[in-house]
Amino acid sequence: MKLAKLSYCLLPILLALSLEVSPASTEQRLFYSVAQLSVGDEEKTNVSVMLAEMVKEIGGTKGHGEYDYGVFPFPRSLSNLAFARADIHLPVVVNKAGAAELAKRGYAYIPEPFGEVSFSIAYRKGDLKMQAWREANFAEQQQGDLSLISDSSQEWFFSYFSNIEFSSCRACALEMVARGRVGGFLFATLELDILVSNSDYDNIVIEPLDTFPMSMIYRMDNTKNVEQRVTRALRDLKQDGRIKAITKKFIDFHQQPKGPLMNSSLSN
């Protein structure tokens, strides 16, 4: 009888404790899967190292929980997210096409971007079709029968271009442009500049296309308050200048391309 009375007395206390503990259970360790994005010239930049340093700052921000991270090839990093081996994948380009594709797969952008990246297009000198498209401000409706190629990691994000194919071999893509097999190679400006400067091709022109926000993606079925925790941490890092200091240390993600931009409706 005394045991029964004791259990009745303890029940409200245990219930109260469980309610207090439950919010903390959502603040579990986060695993960040960082895409391996060295651009081929280690002395100039290594984006993966920069992103890893940023992740350390996010994880170390007071009140935002603990973290782990790993650096993987881009496809492996995405598969880590797909098979719940990671809570977050970064980086990705933010635009409508990407958001729609992510939603189909059960992912979403972290709403707070951490920087920007400019994209350009490389094409052959004297290519009249590409020159006409440039003069049309790279508008989608003016693309016509042009053929384009991009890195396979961009497939989700640039699907709004017609006649575009994707390749996992960047050097091969550049060669296809130089030989006239495709009209243009769409890629991140910094990486494209390095690829062209390290090649033997002297018939390549690089023109800026647009600047996109860069973000992270997470699984929408997570139970760790990923969106709220990471967004809060990123805002803190921006406010005290740490994000800017890290990006400037490796690469200026906020550089704006010079020259005409493609139709801005494509990137919003």
C-alpha atoms as a PDB file:
ATOM      1  CA  MET A   1       0.000   0.000   0.000  1.00  0.00           C
ATOM      2  CA  LYS A   2       2.812   2.381   0.960  1.00  0.00           C
ATOM      3  CA  LEU A   3       4.553   1.509  -2.318  1.00  0.00           C
ATOM      4  CA  ALA A   4       1.428   2.356  -4.273  1.00  0.00           C
ATOM      5  CA  LYS A   5       1.111   5.732  -2.502  1.00  0.00           C
ATOM      6  CA  LEU A   6       4.789   6.443  -3.175  1.00  0.00           C
ATOM      7  CA  SER A   7       4.349   5.700  -6.858  1.00  0.00           C
ATOM      8  CA  TYR A   8       1.409   8.127  -7.015  1.00  0.00           C
ATOM      9  CA  CYS A   9       3.607  10.804  -5.418  1.00  0.00           C
ATOM     10  CA  LEU A  10       6.523  10.163  -7.753  1.00  0.00           C
ATOM     11  CA  LEU A  11       4.461  10.067 -10.939  1.00  0.00           C
ATOM     12  CA  PRO A  12       3.935  13.857 -11.257  1.00  0.00           C
ATOM     13  CA  ILE A  13       7.626  14.460 -10.537  1.00  0.00           C
ATOM     14  CA  LEU A  14       8.752  11.966 -13.180  1.00  0.00           C
ATOM     15  CA  LEU A  15       6.294  13.442 -15.678  1.00  0.00           C
ATOM     16  CA  ALA A  16       7.622  16.940 -15.025  1.00  0.00           C
ATOM     17  CA  LEU A  17      11.193  15.761 -15.456  1.00  0.00           C
ATOM     18  CA  SER A  18      10.366  14.065 -18.741  1.00  0.00           C
ATOM     19  CA  LEU A  19       8.835  17.277 -20.065  1.00  0.00           C
ATOM     20  CA  GLU A  20      11.939  19.215 -19.118  1.00  0.00           C
ATOM     21  CA  VAL A  21      14.254  16.694 -20.754  1.00  0.00           C
ATOM     22  CA  SER A  22      12.360  16.343 -24.036  1.00  0.00           C
ATOM     23  CA  PRO A  23      13.491  19.676 -25.576  1.00  0.00           C
ATOM     24  CA  ALA A  24      17.103  18.804 -24.820  1.00  0.00           C
ATOM     25  CA  SER A  25      16.686  15.517 -26.655  1.00  0.00           C
ATOM     26  CA  THR A  26      16.296  17.467 -29.900  1.00  0.00           C
ATOM     27  CA  GLU A  27      19.707  19.099 -29.353  1.00  0.00           C
ATOM     28  CA  GLN A  28      21.612  15.964 -30.367  1.00  0.00           C
ATOM     29  CA  ARG A  29      24.901  15.934 -32.195  1.00  0.00           C
ATOM     30  CA  LEU A  30      24.639  17.073 -35.806  1.00  0.00           C
ATOM     31  CA  PHE A  31      26.659  15.408 -38.541  1.00  0.00           C
ATOM     32  CA  TYR A  32      27.685  17.749 -41.364  1.00  0.00           C
ATOM     33  CA  SER A  33      28.625  16.090 -44.651  1.00  0.00           C
ATOM     34  CA  VAL A  34      30.930  18.502 -46.492  1.00  0.00           C
ATOM     35  CA  ALA A  35      31.377  18.091 -50.252  1.00  0.00           C
ATOM     36  CA  GLN A  36      34.965  17.829 -51.419  1.00  0.00           C
ATOM     37  CA  LEU A  37      35.406  20.943 -53.533  1.00  0.00           C
ATOM     38  CA  SER A  38      39.070  21.548 -54.126  1.00  0.00           C
ATOM     39  CA  VAL A  39      39.209  23.390 -57.433  1.00  0.00           C
ATOM     40  CA  GLY A  40      42.479  21.994 -58.691  1.00  0.00           C
ATOM     41  CA  ASP A  41      44.906  24.604 -57.412  1.00  0.00           C
ATOM     42  CA  GLU A  42      45.560  24.031 -53.729  1.00  0.00           C
ATOM     43  CA  GLU A  43      47.629  27.208 -53.392  1.00  0.00           C
ATOM     44  CA  LYS A  44      44.751  29.400 -54.562  1.00  0.00           C
ATOM     45  CA  THR A  45      41.865  27.902 -52.672  1.00  0.00           C
ATOM     46  CA  ASN A  46      40.407  24.793 -51.136  1.00  0.00           C
ATOM     47  CA  VAL A  47      36.729  25.371 -50.606  1.00  0.00           C
ATOM     48  CA  SER A  48      36.279  22.176 -48.596  1.00  0.00           C
ATOM     49  CA  VAL A  49      38.788  23.338 -45.988  1.00  0.00           C
ATOM     50  CA  MET A  50      36.975  26.655 -45.770  1.00  0.00           C
ATOM     51  CA  LEU A  51      33.599  24.958 -45.292  1.00  0.00           C
ATOM     52  CA  ALA A  52      35.030  22.623 -42.649  1.00  0.00           C
ATOM     53  CA  GLU A  53      36.360  25.621 -40.744  1.00  0.00           C
ATOM     54  CA  MET A  54      32.956  27.260 -40.954  1.00  0.00           C
ATOM     55  CA  VAL A  55      31.285  24.103 -39.649  1.00  0.00           C
ATOM     56  CA  LYS A  56      33.664  24.112 -36.673  1.00  0.00           C
ATOM     57  CA  GLU A  57      32.570  27.649 -35.880  1.00  0.00           C
ATOM     58  CA  ILE A  58      28.893  26.697 -36.142  1.00  0.00           C
ATOM     59  CA  GLY A  59      29.358  23.663 -33.918  1.00  0.00           C
ATOM     60  CA  GLY A  60      31.383  25.647 -31.426  1.00  0.00           C
ATOM     61  CA  THR A  61      28.862  28.469 -31.076  1.00  0.00           C
ATOM     62  CA  LYS A  62      27.589  28.541 -27.510  1.00  0.00           C
ATOM     63  CA  GLY A  63      24.130  27.038 -27.140  1.00  0.00           C
ATOM     64  CA  HIS A  64      24.002  25.346 -30.536  1.00  0.00           C
ATOM     65  CA  GLY A  65      24.912  21.817 -29.545  1.00  0.00           C
ATOM     66  CA  GLU A  66      27.732  19.543 -30.594  1.00  0.00           C
ATOM     67  CA  TYR A  67      28.639  18.392 -34.074  1.00  0.00           C
ATOM     68  CA  ASP A  68      30.700  16.004 -36.173  1.00  0.00           C
ATOM     69  CA  TYR A  69      31.682  16.420 -39.796  1.00  0.00           C
ATOM     70  CA  GLY A  70      33.339  14.609 -42.655  1.00  0.00           C
ATOM     71  CA  VAL A  71      34.534  15.626 -46.124  1.00  0.00           C
ATOM     72  CA  PHE A  72      33.407  13.404 -49.016  1.00  0.00           C
ATOM     73  CA  PRO A  73      33.149  13.513 -52.817  1.00  0.00           C
ATOM     74  CA  PHE A  74      29.995  15.418 -53.777  1.00  0.00           C
ATOM     75  CA  PRO A  75      27.853  12.353 -54.740  1.00  0.00           C
ATOM     76  CA  ARG A  76      28.886  10.527 -51.548  1.00  0.00           C
ATOM     77  CA  SER A  77      28.032  13.578 -49.461  1.00  0.00           C
ATOM     78  CA  LEU A  78      24.541  13.678 -50.945  1.00  0.00           C
ATOM     79  CA  SER A  79      24.076   9.953 -50.399  1.00  0.00           C
ATOM     80  CA  ASN A  80      25.039  10.427 -46.752  1.00  0.00           C
ATOM     81  CA  LEU A  81      22.023  12.687 -46.442  1.00  0.00           C
ATOM     82  CA  ALA A  82      19.792  10.369 -48.457  1.00  0.00           C
ATOM     83  CA  PHE A  83      20.583   7.364 -46.247  1.00  0.00           C
ATOM     84  CA  ALA A  84      20.400   9.350 -42.987  1.00  0.00           C
ATOM     85  CA  ARG A  85      24.130   9.051 -42.358  1.00  0.00           C
ATOM     86  CA  ALA A  86      24.249  12.853 -42.197  1.00  0.00           C
ATOM     87  CA  ASP A  87      21.911  15.589 -40.998  1.00  0.00           C
ATOM     88  CA  ILE A  88      23.251  18.301 -43.307  1.00  0.00           C
ATOM     89  CA  HIS A  89      24.971  18.455 -46.697  1.00  0.00           C
ATOM     90  CA  LEU A  90      26.831  21.502 -47.981  1.00  0.00           C
ATOM     91  CA  PRO A  91      27.249  23.424 -50.140  1.00  0.00           C
ATOM     92  CA  VAL A  92      24.443  23.780 -52.668  1.00  0.00           C
ATOM     93  CA  VAL A  93      23.213  26.529 -54.995  1.00  0.00           C
ATOM     94  CA  VAL A  94      19.913  28.159 -54.045  1.00  0.00           C
ATOM     95  CA  ASN A  95      17.274  28.693 -56.743  1.00  0.00           C
ATOM     96  CA  LYS A  96      13.707  27.673 -57.558  1.00  0.00           C
ATOM     97  CA  ALA A  97      14.684  24.694 -59.673  1.00  0.00           C
ATOM     98  CA  GLY A  98      16.817  23.326 -56.869  1.00  0.00           C
ATOM     99  CA  ALA A  99      14.165  23.924 -54.211  1.00  0.00           C
ATOM    100  CA  ALA A 100      11.532  22.036 -56.201  1.00  0.00           C
ATOM    101  CA  GLU A 101      13.822  19.054 -56.756  1.00  0.00           C
ATOM    102  CA  LEU A 102      14.932  18.992 -53.130  1.00  0.00           C
ATOM    103  CA  ALA A 103      11.327  18.954 -51.911  1.00  0.00           C
ATOM    104  CA  LYS A 104      10.612  15.891 -54.074  1.00  0.00           C
ATOM    105  CA  ARG A 105      13.466  14.090 -52.331  1.00  0.00           C
ATOM    106  CA  GLY A 106      12.452  15.126 -48.816  1.00  0.00           C
ATOM    107  CA  TYR A 107      15.151  17.769 -48.363  1.00  0.00           C
ATOM    108  CA  ALA A 108      15.017  21.528 -47.847  1.00  0.00           C
ATOM    109  CA  TYR A 109      17.398  24.458 -47.799  1.00  0.00           C
ATOM    110  CA  ILE A 110      18.602  25.904 -44.528  1.00  0.00           C
ATOM    111  CA  PRO A 111      16.900  29.313 -44.977  1.00  0.00           C
ATOM    112  CA  GLU A 112      19.986  31.282 -43.927  1.00  0.00           C
ATOM    113  CA  PRO A 113      22.571  31.326 -46.762  1.00  0.00           C
ATOM    114  CA  PHE A 114      26.223  31.469 -45.756  1.00  0.00           C
ATOM    115  CA  GLY A 115      27.580  33.220 -48.837  1.00  0.00           C
ATOM    116  CA  GLU A 116      27.324  33.624 -52.588  1.00  0.00           C
ATOM    117  CA  VAL A 117      29.059  32.126 -55.589  1.00  0.00           C
ATOM    118  CA  SER A 118      29.214  33.436 -59.136  1.00  0.00           C
ATOM    119  CA  PHE A 119      28.736  31.174 -62.153  1.00  0.00           C
ATOM    120  CA  SER A 120      30.100  31.766 -65.636  1.00  0.00           C
ATOM    121  CA  ILE A 121      29.989  30.091 -69.010  1.00  0.00           C
ATOM    122  CA  ALA A 122      32.954  29.141 -71.189  1.00  0.00           C
ATOM    123  CA  TYR A 123      32.561  29.011 -74.967  1.00  0.00           C
ATOM    124  CA  ARG A 124      34.706  29.088 -78.104  1.00  0.00           C
ATOM    125  CA  LYS A 125      35.892  32.372 -79.565  1.00  0.00           C
ATOM    126  CA  GLY A 126      33.979  33.164 -82.730  1.00  0.00           C
ATOM    127  CA  ASP A 127      30.997  30.965 -81.851  1.00  0.00           C
ATOM    128  CA  LEU A 128      28.251  33.077 -83.412  1.00  0.00           C
ATOM    129  CA  LYS A 129      25.402  31.260 -81.680  1.00  0.00           C
ATOM    130  CA  MET A 130      26.949  31.742 -78.265  1.00  0.00           C
ATOM    131  CA  GLN A 131      27.731  35.381 -79.036  1.00  0.00           C
ATOM    132  CA  ALA A 132      24.109  35.965 -80.044  1.00  0.00           C
ATOM    133  CA  TRP A 133      22.950  34.383 -76.786  1.00  0.00           C
ATOM    134  CA  ARG A 134      25.323  36.610 -74.846  1.00  0.00           C
ATOM    135  CA  GLU A 135      23.905  39.682 -76.607  1.00  0.00           C
ATOM    136  CA  ALA A 136      20.426  38.460 -75.570  1.00  0.00           C
ATOM    137  CA  ASN A 137      21.647  38.643 -71.944  1.00  0.00           C
ATOM    138  CA  PHE A 138      21.678  34.834 -71.700  1.00  0.00           C
ATOM    139  CA  ALA A 139      17.864  34.806 -71.593  1.00  0.00           C
ATOM    140  CA  GLU A 140      16.352  31.320 -71.412  1.00  0.00           C
ATOM    141  CA  GLN A 141      13.951  31.916 -74.291  1.00  0.00           C
ATOM    142  CA  GLN A 142      16.910  32.879 -76.506  1.00  0.00           C
ATOM    143  CA  GLN A 143      18.846  29.688 -75.914  1.00  0.00           C
ATOM    144  CA  GLY A 144      17.406  28.042 -79.005  1.00  0.00           C
ATOM    145  CA  ASP A 145      19.325  25.006 -80.221  1.00  0.00           C
ATOM    146  CA  LEU A 146      22.456  25.763 -78.219  1.00  0.00           C
ATOM    147  CA  SER A 147      23.939  22.793 -76.418  1.00  0.00           C
ATOM    148  CA  LEU A 148      25.372  23.305 -72.944  1.00  0.00           C
ATOM    149  CA  ILE A 149      27.230  21.141 -70.453  1.00  0.00           C
ATOM    150  CA  SER A 150      27.734  21.461 -66.699  1.00  0.00           C
ATOM    151  CA  ASP A 151      29.228  19.519 -63.833  1.00  0.00           C
ATOM    152  CA  SER A 152      27.037  16.595 -62.735  1.00  0.00           C
ATOM    153  CA  SER A 153      26.836  18.038 -59.220  1.00  0.00           C
ATOM    154  CA  GLN A 154      24.774  20.908 -60.648  1.00  0.00           C
ATOM    155  CA  GLU A 155      22.082  18.726 -62.240  1.00  0.00           C
ATOM    156  CA  TRP A 156      19.413  19.555 -59.664  1.00  0.00           C
ATOM    157  CA  PHE A 157      20.034  23.256 -59.868  1.00  0.00           C
ATOM    158  CA  PHE A 158      20.291  24.139 -63.561  1.00  0.00           C
ATOM    159  CA  SER A 159      17.625  21.901 -65.037  1.00  0.00           C
ATOM    160  CA  TYR A 160      15.744  24.969 -66.323  1.00  0.00           C
ATOM    161  CA  PHE A 161      18.164  25.206 -69.263  1.00  0.00           C
ATOM    162  CA  SER A 162      17.059  23.258 -72.306  1.00  0.00           C
ATOM    163  CA  ASN A 163      19.608  21.172 -74.208  1.00  0.00           C
ATOM    164  CA  ILE A 164      21.940  20.784 -71.246  1.00  0.00           C
ATOM    165  CA  GLU A 165      23.901  17.664 -70.336  1.00  0.00           C
ATOM    166  CA  PHE A 166      25.945  16.889 -67.246  1.00  0.00           C
ATOM    167  CA  SER A 167      29.372  15.349 -66.878  1.00  0.00           C
ATOM    168  CA  SER A 168      31.458  14.195 -63.931  1.00  0.00           C
ATOM    169  CA  CYS A 169      34.632  14.950 -65.912  1.00  0.00           C
ATOM    170  CA  ARG A 170      35.306  18.705 -65.898  1.00  0.00           C
ATOM    171  CA  ALA A 171      38.366  18.460 -68.133  1.00  0.00           C
ATOM    172  CA  CYS A 172      36.305  16.442 -70.624  1.00  0.00           C
ATOM    173  CA  ALA A 173      33.560  19.086 -70.576  1.00  0.00           C
ATOM    174  CA  LEU A 174      36.078  21.836 -71.320  1.00  0.00           C
ATOM    175  CA  GLU A 175      37.552  19.796 -74.160  1.00  0.00           C
ATOM    176  CA  MET A 176      34.086  19.322 -75.674  1.00  0.00           C
ATOM    177  CA  VAL A 177      33.673  23.104 -75.719  1.00  0.00           C
ATOM    178  CA  ALA A 178      37.139  23.728 -77.171  1.00  0.00           C
ATOM    179  CA  ARG A 179      36.466  21.223 -79.978  1.00  0.00           C
ATOM    180  CA  GLY A 180      32.991  22.583 -80.723  1.00  0.00           C
ATOM    181  CA  ARG A 181      31.101  19.490 -79.632  1.00  0.00           C
ATOM    182  CA  VAL A 182      28.975  21.569 -77.225  1.00  0.00           C
ATOM    183  CA  GLY A 183      28.318  25.290 -77.174  1.00  0.00           C
ATOM    184  CA  GLY A 184      29.215  26.210 -73.617  1.00  0.00           C
ATOM    185  CA  PHE A 185      30.353  24.916 -70.224  1.00  0.00           C
ATOM    186  CA  LEU A 186      28.442  26.364 -67.268  1.00  0.00           C
ATOM    187  CA  PHE A 187      30.359  26.239 -63.996  1.00  0.00           C
ATOM    188  CA  ALA A 188      31.399  28.187 -60.882  1.00  0.00           C
ATOM    189  CA  THR A 189      33.500  31.174 -61.982  1.00  0.00           C
ATOM    190  CA  LEU A 190      36.531  30.512 -59.799  1.00  0.00           C
ATOM    191  CA  GLU A 191      36.783  26.869 -60.805  1.00  0.00           C
ATOM    192  CA  LEU A 192      36.163  27.662 -64.460  1.00  0.00           C
ATOM    193  CA  ASP A 193      38.904  30.326 -64.437  1.00  0.00           C
ATOM    194  CA  ILE A 194      41.367  27.837 -62.967  1.00  0.00           C
ATOM    195  CA  LEU A 195      40.366  25.035 -65.351  1.00  0.00           C
ATOM    196  CA  VAL A 196      40.835  27.262 -68.392  1.00  0.00           C
ATOM    197  CA  SER A 197      44.080  28.855 -67.169  1.00  0.00           C
ATOM    198  CA  ASN A 198      45.544  25.389 -66.469  1.00  0.00           C
ATOM    199  CA  SER A 199      44.545  24.072 -69.895  1.00  0.00           C
ATOM    200  CA  ASP A 200      46.285  24.403 -73.264  1.00  0.00           C
ATOM    201  CA  TYR A 201      43.215  25.845 -74.962  1.00  0.00           C
ATOM    202  CA  ASP A 202      43.575  29.394 -76.284  1.00  0.00           C
ATOM    203  CA  ASN A 203      40.168  29.547 -77.972  1.00  0.00           C
ATOM    204  CA  ILE A 204      38.014  29.758 -74.827  1.00  0.00           C
ATOM    205  CA  VAL A 205      36.058  32.826 -73.694  1.00  0.00           C
ATOM    206  CA  ILE A 206      34.609  33.074 -70.178  1.00  0.00           C
ATOM    207  CA  GLU A 207      31.529  35.224 -69.583  1.00  0.00           C
ATOM    208  CA  PRO A 208      29.723  35.781 -66.250  1.00  0.00           C
ATOM    209  CA  LEU A 209      26.186  34.429 -65.904  1.00  0.00           C
ATOM    210  CA  ASP A 210      24.822  35.084 -62.435  1.00  0.00           C
ATOM    211  CA  THR A 211      25.511  35.060 -58.709  1.00  0.00           C
ATOM    212  CA  PHE A 212      23.680  32.565 -56.526  1.00  0.00           C
ATOM    213  CA  PRO A 213      23.270  32.245 -52.753  1.00  0.00           C
ATOM    214  CA  MET A 214      25.003  29.216 -51.247  1.00  0.00           C
ATOM    215  CA  SER A 215      23.284  27.212 -48.537  1.00  0.00           C
ATOM    216  CA  MET A 216      23.074  23.830 -46.828  1.00  0.00           C
ATOM    217  CA  ILE A 217      20.350  21.211 -47.139  1.00  0.00           C
ATOM    218  CA  TYR A 218      18.851  18.958 -44.490  1.00  0.00           C
ATOM    219  CA  ARG A 219      16.387  16.093 -44.256  1.00  0.00           C
ATOM    220  CA  MET A 220      12.869  17.373 -43.559  1.00  0.00           C
ATOM    221  CA  ASP A 221      12.094  14.273 -41.482  1.00  0.00           C
ATOM    222  CA  ASN A 222      14.835  15.066 -38.952  1.00  0.00           C
ATOM    223  CA  THR A 223      14.097  15.186 -35.210  1.00  0.00           C
ATOM    224  CA  LYS A 224      17.027  17.379 -34.168  1.00  0.00           C
ATOM    225  CA  ASN A 225      15.719  20.898 -34.867  1.00  0.00           C
ATOM    226  CA  VAL A 226      18.349  21.127 -37.586  1.00  0.00           C
ATOM    227  CA  GLU A 227      16.865  24.113 -39.399  1.00  0.00           C
ATOM    228  CA  GLN A 228      16.410  26.211 -36.257  1.00  0.00           C
ATOM    229  CA  ARG A 229      19.796  25.341 -34.746  1.00  0.00           C
ATOM    230  CA  VAL A 230      21.870  25.935 -37.853  1.00  0.00           C
ATOM    231  CA  THR A 231      19.968  29.078 -38.852  1.00  0.00           C
ATOM    232  CA  ARG A 232      20.443  30.545 -35.387  1.00  0.00           C
ATOM    233  CA  ALA A 233      24.161  29.724 -35.400  1.00  0.00           C
ATOM    234  CA  LEU A 234      24.724  31.146 -38.889  1.00  0.00           C
ATOM    235  CA  ARG A 235      23.028  34.402 -37.944  1.00  0.00           C
ATOM    236  CA  ASP A 236      25.245  34.678 -34.885  1.00  0.00           C
ATOM    237  CA  LEU A 237      28.359  34.046 -36.983  1.00  0.00           C
ATOM    238  CA  LYS A 238      27.298  36.706 -39.466  1.00  0.00           C
ATOM    239  CA  GLN A 239      26.551  39.264 -36.787  1.00  0.00           C
ATOM    240  CA  ASP A 240      29.973  39.005 -35.172  1.00  0.00           C
ATOM    241  CA  GLY A 241      31.814  38.857 -38.507  1.00  0.00           C
ATOM    242  CA  ARG A 242      33.189  35.326 -38.259  1.00  0.00           C
ATOM    243  CA  ILE A 243      31.607  34.063 -41.495  1.00  0.00           C
ATOM    244  CA  LYS A 244      33.100  36.959 -43.444  1.00  0.00           C
ATOM    245  CA  ALA A 245      36.522  36.415 -41.861  1.00  0.00           C
ATOM    246  CA  ILE A 246      36.520  32.704 -42.775  1.00  0.00           C
ATOM    247  CA  THR A 247      35.411  33.213 -46.395  1.00  0.00           C
ATOM    248  CA  LYS A 248      37.900  36.025 -46.937  1.00  0.00           C
ATOM    249  CA  LYS A 249      40.646  33.761 -45.631  1.00  0.00           C
ATOM    250  CA  PHE A 250      40.077  31.300 -48.473  1.00  0.00           C
ATOM    251  CA  ILE A 251      37.954  32.870 -51.200  1.00  0.00           C
ATOM    252  CA  ASP A 252      35.702  35.867 -51.574  1.00  0.00           C
ATOM    253  CA  PHE A 253      32.304  34.183 -51.962  1.00  0.00           C
ATOM    254  CA  HIS A 254      30.747  37.636 -52.293  1.00  0.00           C
ATOM    255  CA  GLN A 255      32.508  38.613 -55.483  1.00  0.00           C
ATOM    256  CA  GLN A 256      30.074  39.922 -58.073  1.00  0.00           C
ATOM    257  CA  PRO A 257      30.592  39.014 -61.739  1.00  0.00           C
ATOM    258  CA  LYS A 258      31.321  41.824 -64.172  1.00  0.00           C
ATOM    259  CA  GLY A 259      29.247  42.133 -67.311  1.00  0.00           C
ATOM    260  CA  PRO A 260      25.712  41.084 -68.232  1.00  0.00           C
ATOM    261  CA  LEU A 261      23.759  38.687 -66.060  1.00  0.00           C
ATOM    262  CA  MET A 262      21.340  36.123 -67.377  1.00  0.00           C
ATOM    263  CA  ASN A 263      17.614  36.628 -66.851  1.00  0.00           C
ATOM    264  CA  SER A 264      17.368  37.090 -63.077  1.00  0.00           C
ATOM    265  CA  SER A 265      14.037  35.260 -62.920  1.00  0.00           C
ATOM    266  CA  LEU A 266      15.947  32.033 -63.457  1.00  0.00           C
ATOM    267  CA  SER A 267      17.941  32.326 -60.273  1.00  0.00           C
ATOM    268  CA  ASN A 268      15.221  33.473 -57.863  1.00  0.00           C
END
